[in-house]
Amino acid sequence: MNDSPAARLQLLFEGHRLTPTQRRIAHSMVRRAADVPFLSSVELAELAGVSQPSVTRFAVALGFDGYPALRRHLREVAPPEAVAQEDTYNEYQQAVQGEIENLRQLAEMLADPSPVERAGRLLAASRPLPVLGLRAASSQARGFAYFAAKVHPDVRLLDEGGSMLADRIDTARRAGASALLCFALPRHPREVVAALEYARGAGLSVVTVADSAFAPVAAHSDLLIPAAVGTGLAFDTACAPMLLGRVLLEAMCDGLPDAQARLEDFDAQAAERGLFVD
């Protein structure tokens, strides 16, 4: 069972119908799960980019008398030893430790492999398979598409926005695509949200790798699998989303009966052409 601060917050939010503003607060809390029990309502409001009264209403929506009661609850369930240990690391070590915690959360989530297995079947069955990732998520999409093309007969990378994006989604759909894989990382481009809404309207099943179950793309995804990003440095780090992408590749291979034959064929061609030095 996942007993991390982020996992406990996720459980706290489950079963509550939250407004978009409240989902934004929840998303911010999950990203800073270790710090939240020690933030004032004003500090949390600034973190989430909302008003202080919105934080109070959010606490009430979760069943607490107000934000102080919510913060007391979070402090009661926070492991004190984890907080004390943070003080022994410098800022670079803290960033690495944060990513280790993100990977630990991912490992514990994968104890139930059914969402990934379902995603793998959807991706394997889609011919072609469009893979979307813009701005910060473009490298994740490009990495997935690079390896997926070695086992999937038709992978189409969508890593550039603009007016042609909808056209490329339409082209994939007309060619027979049944699903779209999206990597969505903060800061979330408005264009990605619009593209997913368009893709679902066109009849595609959307599988999304996002940094949180409360990410803005959640409402436009048929299957969202979260993998947290690190926020300890000036620019976010995305070790867990990258690894989740490789896990999805493995699950997709399980749904492609000729995947191994394709890999062996690539290896033979690579050797014949002298592509690699090792």
Protein backbone atom coordinates (compact mmCIF):
# COMPACT_ATOMS: atom_id res chain seq x y z
CA MET A 1 0.00 0.00 0.00
CA ASN A 2 1.30 3.47 -0.96
CA ASP A 3 1.83 5.49 2.23
CA SER A 4 3.56 8.51 0.70
CA PRO A 5 2.33 12.06 1.46
CA ALA A 6 1.11 12.47 -2.12
CA ALA A 7 -0.80 9.18 -1.98
CA ARG A 8 -2.50 10.18 1.28
CA LEU A 9 -3.57 13.45 -0.30
CA GLN A 10 -4.99 11.61 -3.30
CA LEU A 11 -7.06 9.44 -0.96
CA LEU A 12 -8.26 12.54 0.89
CA PHE A 13 -9.54 14.08 -2.35
CA GLU A 14 -11.20 10.93 -3.71
CA GLY A 15 -14.98 10.90 -3.70
CA HIS A 16 -15.32 14.69 -3.59
CA ARG A 17 -16.76 16.70 -6.47
CA LEU A 18 -14.33 19.57 -6.77
CA THR A 19 -14.69 22.74 -8.79
CA PRO A 20 -11.96 23.64 -11.33
CA THR A 21 -10.46 26.06 -8.78
CA GLN A 22 -10.52 23.38 -6.09
CA ARG A 23 -8.90 20.86 -8.46
CA ARG A 24 -6.16 23.42 -9.01
CA ILE A 25 -5.57 23.64 -5.26
CA ALA A 26 -5.58 19.84 -4.97
CA HIS A 27 -3.10 19.56 -7.84
CA SER A 28 -0.76 22.07 -6.18
CA MET A 29 -0.99 20.21 -2.87
CA VAL A 30 -0.08 16.89 -4.47
CA ARG A 31 2.94 18.47 -6.17
CA ARG A 32 4.17 19.86 -2.85
CA ALA A 33 2.82 17.08 -0.63
CA ALA A 34 5.69 17.14 1.88
CA ASP A 35 5.42 20.91 2.42
CA VAL A 36 1.65 21.39 2.50
CA PRO A 37 1.11 20.53 6.23
CA PHE A 38 3.31 23.50 7.11
CA LEU A 39 1.85 26.11 4.73
CA SER A 40 -0.59 28.82 5.79
CA SER A 41 -3.79 29.33 3.80
CA VAL A 42 -2.23 32.43 2.25
CA GLU A 43 0.90 30.51 1.22
CA LEU A 44 -1.19 27.69 -0.28
CA ALA A 45 -3.30 30.23 -2.14
CA GLU A 46 -0.16 31.80 -3.62
CA LEU A 47 1.18 28.35 -4.53
CA ALA A 48 -2.02 27.46 -6.37
CA GLY A 49 -2.60 30.91 -7.81
CA VAL A 50 -6.04 31.30 -6.20
CA SER A 51 -7.57 33.51 -3.52
CA GLN A 52 -7.30 32.78 0.21
CA PRO A 53 -11.11 32.38 0.56
CA SER A 54 -10.92 29.72 -2.18
CA VAL A 55 -8.56 27.71 0.04
CA THR A 56 -11.02 27.99 2.92
CA ARG A 57 -13.92 26.84 0.75
CA PHE A 58 -11.77 23.98 -0.50
CA ALA A 59 -11.14 22.77 3.07
CA VAL A 60 -14.87 22.94 3.81
CA ALA A 61 -15.63 20.97 0.62
CA LEU A 62 -13.39 18.20 1.99
CA GLY A 63 -15.45 18.08 5.20
CA PHE A 64 -13.30 20.20 7.52
CA ASP A 65 -14.42 23.24 9.53
CA GLY A 66 -11.81 25.33 7.76
CA TYR A 67 -8.23 25.32 6.56
CA PRO A 68 -6.68 25.14 10.08
CA ALA A 69 -8.57 21.89 10.67
CA LEU A 70 -7.37 20.51 7.33
CA ARG A 71 -3.77 21.47 8.13
CA ARG A 72 -3.98 19.83 11.58
CA HIS A 73 -5.20 16.65 9.91
CA LEU A 74 -2.32 16.71 7.44
CA ARG A 75 0.22 17.24 10.22
CA GLU A 76 -1.19 14.31 12.16
CA VAL A 77 -0.72 11.93 9.25
CA ALA A 78 2.65 13.34 8.03
CA PRO A 79 5.67 11.16 8.91
CA PRO A 80 7.89 13.42 11.08
CA GLU A 81 11.05 11.48 10.31
CA ALA A 82 10.72 12.31 6.59
CA VAL A 83 10.46 16.02 7.37
CA ALA A 84 13.48 15.94 9.67
CA GLN A 85 15.57 14.08 7.13
CA GLU A 86 15.02 16.74 4.46
CA ASP A 87 17.05 19.24 6.47
CA THR A 88 20.20 17.09 6.08
CA TYR A 89 20.24 17.42 2.26
CA ASN A 90 21.39 20.34 0.14
CA GLU A 91 19.07 21.64 -2.58
CA TYR A 92 20.49 19.37 -5.28
CA GLN A 93 20.20 16.29 -3.10
CA GLN A 94 16.66 17.28 -2.19
CA ALA A 95 15.80 17.38 -5.88
CA VAL A 96 17.17 13.87 -6.35
CA GLN A 97 15.40 12.63 -3.22
CA GLY A 98 12.18 14.13 -4.55
CA GLU A 99 12.53 12.16 -7.77
CA ILE A 100 13.30 8.99 -5.83
CA GLU A 101 10.03 9.53 -3.97
CA ASN A 102 8.21 10.07 -7.28
CA LEU A 103 9.60 6.78 -8.59
CA ARG A 104 8.61 5.03 -5.36
CA GLN A 105 5.05 6.31 -5.79
CA LEU A 106 5.03 5.06 -9.38
CA ALA A 107 6.27 1.61 -8.31
CA GLU A 108 3.56 1.35 -5.68
CA MET A 109 0.88 2.47 -8.14
CA LEU A 110 1.99 -0.23 -10.58
CA ALA A 111 1.16 -2.88 -7.97
CA ASP A 112 -2.18 -2.79 -9.79
CA PRO A 113 -1.06 -3.24 -13.42
CA SER A 114 -4.57 -3.21 -14.89
CA PRO A 115 -4.59 0.47 -16.03
CA VAL A 116 -1.25 0.06 -17.81
CA GLU A 117 -2.34 -3.24 -19.35
CA ARG A 118 -5.55 -1.64 -20.59
CA ALA A 119 -3.54 1.27 -22.04
CA GLY A 120 -1.17 -1.17 -23.73
CA ARG A 121 -4.07 -2.91 -25.47
CA LEU A 122 -5.53 0.39 -26.68
CA LEU A 123 -2.20 1.59 -28.06
CA ALA A 124 -1.35 -1.73 -29.73
CA ALA A 125 -4.73 -1.84 -31.49
CA SER A 126 -4.50 1.68 -32.92
CA ARG A 127 -3.20 1.77 -36.51
CA PRO A 128 -1.78 4.37 -36.85
CA LEU A 129 -0.87 5.47 -33.32
CA PRO A 130 -0.61 9.25 -32.81
CA VAL A 131 1.61 10.32 -29.90
CA LEU A 132 1.11 13.88 -28.65
CA GLY A 133 3.43 15.99 -26.50
CA LEU A 134 3.97 19.74 -26.70
CA ARG A 135 6.51 22.06 -25.07
CA ALA A 136 7.88 20.45 -21.86
CA ALA A 137 6.30 17.11 -22.77
CA SER A 138 7.67 16.98 -26.31
CA SER A 139 10.80 15.06 -25.29
CA GLN A 140 8.66 12.42 -23.53
CA ALA A 141 6.48 11.98 -26.61
CA ARG A 142 9.50 11.89 -28.93
CA GLY A 143 11.26 9.26 -26.81
CA PHE A 144 8.18 7.05 -26.72
CA ALA A 145 7.60 7.43 -30.47
CA TYR A 146 11.24 6.59 -31.25
CA PHE A 147 11.11 3.24 -29.49
CA ALA A 148 7.49 2.48 -30.34
CA ALA A 149 8.28 2.76 -34.06
CA LYS A 150 10.56 -0.28 -33.71
CA VAL A 151 7.63 -2.53 -32.81
CA HIS A 152 4.48 -0.70 -33.99
CA PRO A 153 3.83 -0.48 -37.75
CA ASP A 154 2.69 3.16 -37.82
CA VAL A 155 3.56 5.69 -35.09
CA ARG A 156 2.89 9.38 -35.74
CA LEU A 157 4.58 11.93 -33.51
CA LEU A 158 2.62 15.12 -32.81
CA ASP A 159 5.12 17.41 -31.11
CA GLU A 160 4.35 20.71 -32.84
CA GLY A 161 1.32 22.86 -32.16
CA GLY A 162 -0.41 25.32 -34.41
CA SER A 163 -3.35 25.13 -36.78
CA MET A 164 -2.02 21.93 -38.39
CA LEU A 165 -2.38 19.91 -35.19
CA ALA A 166 -6.11 19.26 -35.64
CA ASP A 167 -5.45 18.39 -39.29
CA ARG A 168 -2.89 15.78 -38.28
CA ILE A 169 -5.30 14.28 -35.76
CA ASP A 170 -7.95 14.12 -38.49
CA THR A 171 -5.48 12.47 -40.87
CA ALA A 172 -4.61 9.81 -38.30
CA ARG A 173 -8.29 9.16 -37.57
CA ARG A 174 -9.14 8.77 -41.24
CA ALA A 175 -6.21 6.37 -41.63
CA GLY A 176 -7.74 4.12 -38.97
CA ALA A 177 -6.40 5.38 -35.63
CA SER A 178 -8.54 4.37 -32.66
CA ALA A 179 -6.45 5.80 -29.81
CA LEU A 180 -4.08 8.66 -29.06
CA LEU A 181 -1.33 8.71 -26.45
CA CYS A 182 -0.64 12.06 -24.81
CA PHE A 183 2.17 13.16 -22.51
CA ALA A 184 1.01 16.19 -20.54
CA LEU A 185 3.38 17.95 -18.15
CA PRO A 186 3.36 21.36 -16.45
CA ARG A 187 3.00 24.01 -17.44
CA HIS A 188 0.05 22.60 -19.34
CA PRO A 189 -0.40 24.28 -22.74
CA ARG A 190 -3.95 25.31 -23.50
CA GLU A 191 -3.38 23.84 -26.96
CA VAL A 192 -2.96 20.33 -25.54
CA VAL A 193 -6.28 20.52 -23.70
CA ALA A 194 -7.98 21.68 -26.91
CA ALA A 195 -6.27 18.94 -28.94
CA LEU A 196 -7.46 16.20 -26.58
CA GLU A 197 -10.99 17.55 -26.62
CA TYR A 198 -10.83 17.56 -30.42
CA ALA A 199 -9.39 14.03 -30.57
CA ARG A 200 -12.13 12.60 -28.37
CA GLY A 201 -14.74 14.40 -30.44
CA ALA A 202 -13.25 12.70 -33.50
CA GLY A 203 -13.76 9.31 -31.85
CA LEU A 204 -10.28 8.56 -30.52
CA SER A 205 -9.71 7.00 -27.11
CA VAL A 206 -7.25 9.22 -25.25
CA VAL A 207 -4.59 7.66 -23.01
CA THR A 208 -2.70 10.30 -21.03
CA VAL A 209 0.46 10.31 -18.94
CA ALA A 210 0.18 13.39 -16.71
CA ASP A 211 1.85 14.71 -13.60
CA SER A 212 -1.34 14.44 -11.54
CA ALA A 213 -4.84 12.98 -11.64
CA PHE A 214 -5.98 16.59 -11.19
CA ALA A 215 -4.13 17.92 -14.24
CA PRO A 216 -6.20 20.06 -16.66
CA VAL A 217 -6.14 17.26 -19.25
CA ALA A 218 -7.96 14.83 -16.93
CA ALA A 219 -11.42 15.86 -18.12
CA HIS A 220 -10.45 15.07 -21.72
CA SER A 221 -8.78 11.69 -21.13
CA ASP A 222 -10.40 8.26 -21.26
CA LEU A 223 -7.54 6.77 -19.25
CA LEU A 224 -5.12 8.95 -17.28
CA ILE A 225 -2.13 7.40 -15.52
CA PRO A 226 -0.31 9.85 -13.22
CA ALA A 227 3.43 10.11 -12.71
CA ALA A 228 4.63 13.02 -10.59
CA VAL A 229 7.29 15.49 -11.71
CA GLY A 230 10.05 16.88 -9.54
CA THR A 231 9.73 20.54 -8.59
CA GLY A 232 12.86 21.05 -6.52
CA LEU A 233 14.87 22.79 -9.26
CA ALA A 234 14.24 25.85 -11.41
CA PHE A 235 12.89 23.56 -14.14
CA ASP A 236 10.73 20.51 -13.43
CA THR A 237 12.27 17.05 -13.72
CA ALA A 238 10.31 14.18 -15.24
CA CYS A 239 11.98 10.86 -14.36
CA ALA A 240 8.71 9.17 -13.38
CA PRO A 241 6.77 10.17 -16.54
CA MET A 242 9.69 8.95 -18.67
CA LEU A 243 9.78 5.60 -16.89
CA LEU A 244 6.00 5.27 -17.12
CA GLY A 245 6.33 5.81 -20.87
CA ARG A 246 8.73 2.85 -21.06
CA VAL A 247 6.32 0.75 -18.99
CA LEU A 248 3.56 1.59 -21.46
CA LEU A 249 5.88 0.54 -24.29
CA GLU A 250 6.32 -2.83 -22.60
CA ALA A 251 2.57 -3.21 -22.18
CA MET A 252 2.02 -2.25 -25.81
CA CYS A 253 4.56 -4.85 -26.94
CA ASP A 254 2.55 -7.48 -25.09
CA GLY A 255 -0.37 -6.59 -27.37
CA LEU A 256 1.69 -6.77 -30.58
CA PRO A 257 2.28 -10.43 -31.53
CA ASP A 258 5.02 -9.52 -34.02
CA ALA A 259 6.88 -7.10 -31.73
CA GLN A 260 9.78 -9.48 -31.08
CA ALA A 261 10.16 -10.28 -34.77
CA ARG A 262 10.28 -6.57 -35.58
CA LEU A 263 12.95 -5.98 -32.95
CA GLU A 264 15.07 -8.85 -34.28
CA ASP A 265 14.69 -7.51 -37.81
CA PHE A 266 15.84 -4.06 -36.67
CA ASP A 267 18.86 -5.55 -34.90
CA ALA A 268 19.81 -7.45 -38.05
CA GLN A 269 19.54 -4.33 -40.20
CA ALA A 270 21.46 -2.27 -37.67
CA ALA A 271 24.30 -4.80 -37.69
CA GLU A 272 24.34 -4.92 -41.49
CA ARG A 273 24.50 -1.12 -41.73
CA GLY A 274 26.99 -0.74 -38.89
CA LEU A 275 24.76 1.70 -37.05
CA PHE A 276 26.28 1.20 -33.61
CA VAL A 277 29.83 0.90 -32.35
CA ASP A 278 28.99 -1.58 -29.57
